[in-house]
Amino acid sequence: MEIHHHHISNLKKLKMTFKIGLIGCSKVAKNKIIPAINSLDFISIDSIGSRITSKAEKWAKEIGCNTFGNYEDVISSDIDCVYISLPDGLHEEWSIKAAEAGLHVLCEKSSTTTYDSAKRMIDASNSANTRILECFSFRFHPQHSKVLELIQNNEVGQIKNFVGNFGYPKPDINNIRLKKELGGGILNDACCYPICASRIIFKDEPIGIMSNLVIDPILGVDVSSSVFLMYEHKNAYVEAGFDRNFKSNYEIWGSKGNIKLNHAFAVKNNFETEIEIMKDDKIEITKIKPVDQTALMLRIFFDEIMKKKKCDFNFEDDLLKQAKILEAVRLSNKHKKFIYLEEID
């Protein structure tokens, strides 16, 4: 009997397509995830769910998917994994429901609105022996590993400082990003990116945080965020805001040079990115050919799940570390003081 059971699980590993269900008919699902999945031969969209079933039906027809309905319908359909792109305030509920149904989860950033919520999501994943990845697709773009390689090769000396910015024109007033009850605000929507990037570049976690969030008096959500992250022997400063000219960059200041990325977070698939290295008043530019960072993320997620290749960071651990920092940002703003990460448990 045991041999038979083993045989079945191997068959599951060998099957060709990894079936994904979409929970939430969002802009990011339409513009990024669906095209990325369509470009990959090992993943297919097998179920689509929306609050408004007619919307899910319309999407399903457009992409030739037979199963659609509400979020529950997606979770009970024949799939391996869900991609959740709901407002941040709803991520916990549906991530946990998916894990309990034995499904792996690709969860849009930011994972949650509180650290406790993130812990519950990870507990559910661990209990179900499923995996969950917070979808910071930018980190899979090869430009960042190239930056790390330059640092490793001592191109700019010792790294002293990281500055990251991410901002854009204010969304429409009805946009979920401006809804307090749904976990809106710039911290969860954009500031999370340069925060995550500083952790990647420094290969470390901050010791503490000082932040200042500007809360819109009418909407009750943060529309501007300035965050100082103290790391051991170095610092990061990140800034994000709605109602600004578009900016998506970071700069690293070393003892003998600087590195700058002008398109660090939001990168279109057909866009050739550039890494600027500044030394002795000279600028050297390294071009990185266009990639689909969302497709790269999906491949890495799939390889990890199917045990083909290990990712260079632990999904669950990373989600928790990121959530803890965002919690520290909120606490620092609330109490108007420096918050040590060890104060949060």
Foldseek 3Di string as FASTA:
>chain_A
DVVVVVVVVVVVLPDQAAEEEEAAPDPCCVPAVVVLQVVDRRYDYAEYADPDQVVQVVVCVVVVHDYYYHLVSRLPDPGAAYEYDFQQQCLLVSLLSNLVSLHAYAYEFPNHLALVSLVSSLVSNVVSVHYYFHPQLLVQACVLVVVLVCVVVCVAHAWAEKEWEFEEAADDCPDSLLAVNSNHACVGPPQLNVQLSVCSNVVHAFQWKAKAFDADPVSRYTFKIWMWTHHVNHIYIYIYGYRDHGFGKMKIHHPFWIKIWGHRGDDDQQDWTWIWIDGPNDTDIDIHGGHSSSSSVVVQVSCCRSVVDHDPDGRSVSSSSSNLRSNRNVVNNVVVHMDGSVVPD
